[in-house]
C-alpha cells in the first residue's frame, strides 16, 4: 500500500526529522521510513510522555481521538508505553486511513517479541467502530524515544488490514505470522 509521506508537528518535529523523514522511489508512510542518528543521546528505556495522535503533522480532530482511545485501551507488557500515533490517508483508499502506533521501553527487542503486542492492537482496532475505515496498521517499538532522539527501532505492518479478521482465527500462530517486518 502506498501512502503520502506525512509531516509531524510540535514536539515530535525533531524526532520525526531523525526517525521518520525520508522518501524512497515510491511514496511511503512515515511508518515505513526508518533511520536513526549516528550519535544517539537517548538512553535505552528513556521514553517521552505520550503525545496525542496526529494527522499529517496536525492535531487530528477527525477520527484521531477515536483511534487514540482504541490504542490506549490495549494492555501493554510491563515497562512498555504508548508514545504516540498517527493517522494518515491515501488516495488509493478514499474514506479510509492507516494508523501508525509508536511504543517505547520494556523488554521488546525483536520483531517476534513485538508480534503479540501488534496483534493486540490489531484485535482492538478490528473490534472498534473505526475498523471499517482502517486500511493498514503499523506498530513500531523503540528502546528509547525522547523529544529529540530514538534508538532501537523495530516495526511491523499489516498493509491489508481490511482483509484480515484479527479474531484469533484460523489460529494465533497464523495471526502472528501475518505481520510484515518493516524494520528489525
Protein backbone atom coordinates (compact mmCIF):
# COMPACT_ATOMS: atom_id res chain seq x y z
CA UNK A 1 0.00 0.00 0.00
CA UNK A 2 1.37 3.42 -0.86
CA UNK A 3 0.67 6.47 1.25
CA UNK A 4 1.75 10.05 1.19
CA UNK A 5 4.62 10.95 3.49
CA UNK A 6 3.28 12.83 6.49
CA UNK A 7 4.96 15.65 8.38
CA UNK A 8 4.98 15.70 12.15
CA UNK A 9 4.46 18.87 14.18
CA UNK A 10 5.13 20.34 17.56
CA UNK A 11 7.25 18.39 19.97
CA UNK A 12 7.63 15.47 17.55
CA UNK A 13 9.17 17.52 14.76
CA UNK A 14 12.73 16.85 15.88
CA UNK A 15 12.08 13.15 16.40
CA UNK A 16 10.29 12.93 13.07
CA UNK A 17 13.24 14.51 11.30
CA UNK A 18 15.54 11.93 12.85
CA UNK A 19 13.34 8.88 12.59
CA UNK A 20 10.54 9.26 10.12
CA UNK A 21 11.80 11.62 7.43
CA UNK A 22 12.89 10.49 4.03
CA UNK A 23 11.48 9.09 0.84
CA UNK A 24 12.18 6.18 -1.43
CA UNK A 25 11.47 5.90 -5.11
CA UNK A 26 7.93 5.04 -4.04
CA UNK A 27 5.78 7.15 -1.78
CA UNK A 28 5.74 5.69 1.71
CA UNK A 29 4.20 6.45 5.04
CA UNK A 30 6.29 7.75 7.87
CA UNK A 31 5.61 4.33 9.35
CA UNK A 32 7.57 2.73 6.52
CA UNK A 33 10.59 5.02 6.62
CA UNK A 34 13.41 4.38 9.05
CA UNK A 35 16.61 5.80 10.33
CA UNK A 36 18.48 6.75 13.45
CA UNK A 37 21.23 9.18 14.20
CA UNK A 38 24.84 8.06 14.24
CA UNK A 39 25.36 9.59 17.68
CA UNK A 40 22.36 8.89 19.83
CA UNK A 41 21.76 10.85 23.01
CA UNK A 42 18.82 8.68 24.10
CA UNK A 43 19.43 6.07 26.76
CA UNK A 44 17.77 2.66 26.49
CA UNK A 45 14.43 2.71 28.27
CA UNK A 46 14.10 6.50 28.18
CA UNK A 47 10.59 7.22 26.92
CA UNK A 48 8.88 10.57 26.48
CA UNK A 49 5.35 11.20 27.70
CA UNK A 50 2.55 10.36 25.31
CA UNK A 51 1.78 12.87 22.57
CA UNK A 52 -1.81 12.96 21.17
CA UNK A 53 -2.38 11.30 17.82
CA UNK A 54 -1.87 13.48 14.76
CA UNK A 55 -2.83 13.55 11.10
CA UNK A 56 -0.45 14.97 8.54
CA UNK A 57 1.52 16.73 11.26
CA UNK A 58 -1.53 18.48 12.68
CA UNK A 59 -3.80 17.81 15.60
CA UNK A 60 -6.22 15.16 14.45
CA UNK A 61 -9.76 16.34 15.23
CA UNK A 62 -11.34 13.79 12.89
CA UNK A 63 -11.02 10.11 13.77
CA UNK A 64 -7.80 10.71 15.74
CA UNK A 65 -9.42 10.81 19.19
CA UNK A 66 -11.29 7.55 18.46
CA UNK A 67 -8.12 5.93 17.09
CA UNK A 68 -6.17 7.10 20.13
CA UNK A 69 -8.82 5.76 22.53
CA UNK A 70 -8.52 2.32 20.94
CA UNK A 71 -4.72 2.40 21.24
CA UNK A 72 -4.94 3.47 24.87
CA UNK A 73 -7.26 0.54 25.62
CA UNK A 74 -4.63 -2.08 24.71
CA UNK A 75 -2.88 -3.70 27.68
CA UNK A 76 0.88 -3.40 27.23
CA UNK A 77 3.68 -5.56 28.66
CA UNK A 78 5.47 -4.25 31.75
CA UNK A 79 7.68 -1.24 31.05
CA UNK A 80 6.20 -0.62 27.58
CA UNK A 81 4.41 2.68 26.99
CA UNK A 82 2.40 4.20 24.17
CA UNK A 83 4.35 7.24 22.92
CA UNK A 84 2.16 8.45 20.05
CA UNK A 85 0.21 7.50 16.97
CA UNK A 86 -0.60 8.91 13.60
CA UNK A 87 -3.48 8.62 11.19
CA UNK A 88 -2.84 9.12 7.50
CA UNK A 89 -4.83 8.90 4.31
CA UNK A 90 -4.08 7.58 0.83
CA UNK A 91 -5.77 8.46 -2.45
CA UNK A 92 -5.92 4.71 -3.25
CA UNK A 93 -8.18 4.26 -0.20
CA UNK A 94 -10.82 7.02 -0.25
CA UNK A 95 -12.62 7.39 3.06
CA UNK A 96 -10.11 5.15 4.82
CA UNK A 97 -6.93 5.74 6.80
CA UNK A 98 -3.84 3.98 8.11
CA UNK A 99 -2.81 4.02 11.75
CA UNK A 100 0.79 4.03 12.99
CA UNK A 101 1.48 3.29 16.65
CA UNK A 102 4.78 4.08 18.41
CA UNK A 103 5.71 2.23 21.59
CA UNK A 104 8.75 2.57 23.83
CA UNK A 105 10.53 0.78 26.67
CA UNK A 106 10.25 -2.65 28.19
CA UNK A 107 11.95 -5.83 27.06
CA UNK A 108 10.83 -5.93 23.42
CA UNK A 109 13.96 -6.25 21.27
CA UNK A 110 12.88 -8.33 18.25
CA UNK A 111 10.02 -8.32 15.78
CA UNK A 112 8.97 -11.74 17.10
CA UNK A 113 8.57 -10.19 20.57
CA UNK A 114 6.60 -7.31 19.03
CA UNK A 115 4.19 -9.57 17.09
CA UNK A 116 1.87 -10.42 20.04
CA UNK A 117 1.70 -6.75 21.07
CA UNK A 118 0.97 -5.68 17.49
CA UNK A 119 -1.69 -8.39 17.31
CA UNK A 120 -3.35 -7.00 20.45
CA UNK A 121 -3.56 -3.60 18.69
CA UNK A 122 -4.95 -5.23 15.53
CA UNK A 123 -7.61 -7.07 17.52
CA UNK A 124 -8.59 -3.90 19.39
CA UNK A 125 -8.86 -1.86 16.18
CA UNK A 126 -10.80 -4.63 14.41
CA UNK A 127 -13.34 -4.67 17.26
CA UNK A 128 -13.69 -0.86 17.33
CA UNK A 129 -16.18 1.25 15.37
CA UNK A 130 -13.31 2.82 13.38
CA UNK A 131 -12.25 -0.58 11.97
CA UNK A 132 -14.19 -0.22 8.71
CA UNK A 133 -12.10 2.84 7.89
CA UNK A 134 -8.65 1.37 8.69
CA UNK A 135 -6.82 0.02 5.63
CA UNK A 136 -3.38 -0.50 7.23
CA UNK A 137 -1.87 -0.76 10.71
CA UNK A 138 1.77 -0.14 11.65
CA UNK A 139 3.20 -0.88 15.10
CA UNK A 140 6.72 0.26 16.00
CA UNK A 141 8.72 -0.18 19.18
CA UNK A 142 11.75 1.83 20.25
CA UNK A 143 14.25 1.01 23.00
CA UNK A 144 14.13 4.75 23.75
CA UNK A 145 12.10 7.64 22.35
CA UNK A 146 12.84 11.14 23.61
CA UNK A 147 11.79 14.53 22.28
CA UNK A 148 14.93 14.68 20.13
CA UNK A 149 16.13 11.12 19.51
CA UNK A 150 15.18 7.46 19.18
CA UNK A 151 17.09 4.19 19.39
CA UNK A 152 16.37 0.54 18.76
CA UNK A 153 13.53 0.75 16.23
CA UNK A 154 11.63 -2.38 15.20
CA UNK A 155 8.46 -2.13 13.14
CA UNK A 156 5.68 -4.35 11.79
CA UNK A 157 2.81 -3.65 9.42
CA UNK A 158 -0.43 -5.12 8.18
CA UNK A 159 -0.86 -3.34 4.86
CA UNK A 160 -4.15 -5.12 4.14
CA UNK A 161 -5.97 -4.69 7.45
CA UNK A 162 -9.47 -4.99 5.94
CA UNK A 163 -8.73 -8.45 4.54
CA UNK A 164 -7.66 -9.89 7.91
CA UNK A 165 -10.11 -10.95 10.61
CA UNK A 166 -7.85 -10.36 13.67
CA UNK A 167 -10.11 -12.55 15.79
CA UNK A 168 -7.82 -15.48 16.63
CA UNK A 169 -8.77 -17.45 13.52
CA UNK A 170 -7.53 -19.53 11.88
CA UNK A 171 -5.00 -19.60 14.76
CA UNK A 172 -2.87 -17.37 16.97
CA UNK A 173 0.28 -18.52 15.16
CA UNK A 174 -1.25 -17.63 11.78
CA UNK A 175 -2.05 -14.14 13.04
CA UNK A 176 1.45 -13.66 14.42
CA UNK A 177 2.92 -14.74 11.09
CA UNK A 178 0.69 -12.33 9.16
CA UNK A 179 2.77 -9.27 10.16
CA UNK A 180 5.23 -7.89 7.61
CA UNK A 181 8.59 -6.75 9.01
CA UNK A 182 9.40 -3.15 8.08
CA UNK A 183 12.43 -2.72 10.36
CA UNK A 184 14.20 -5.19 12.61
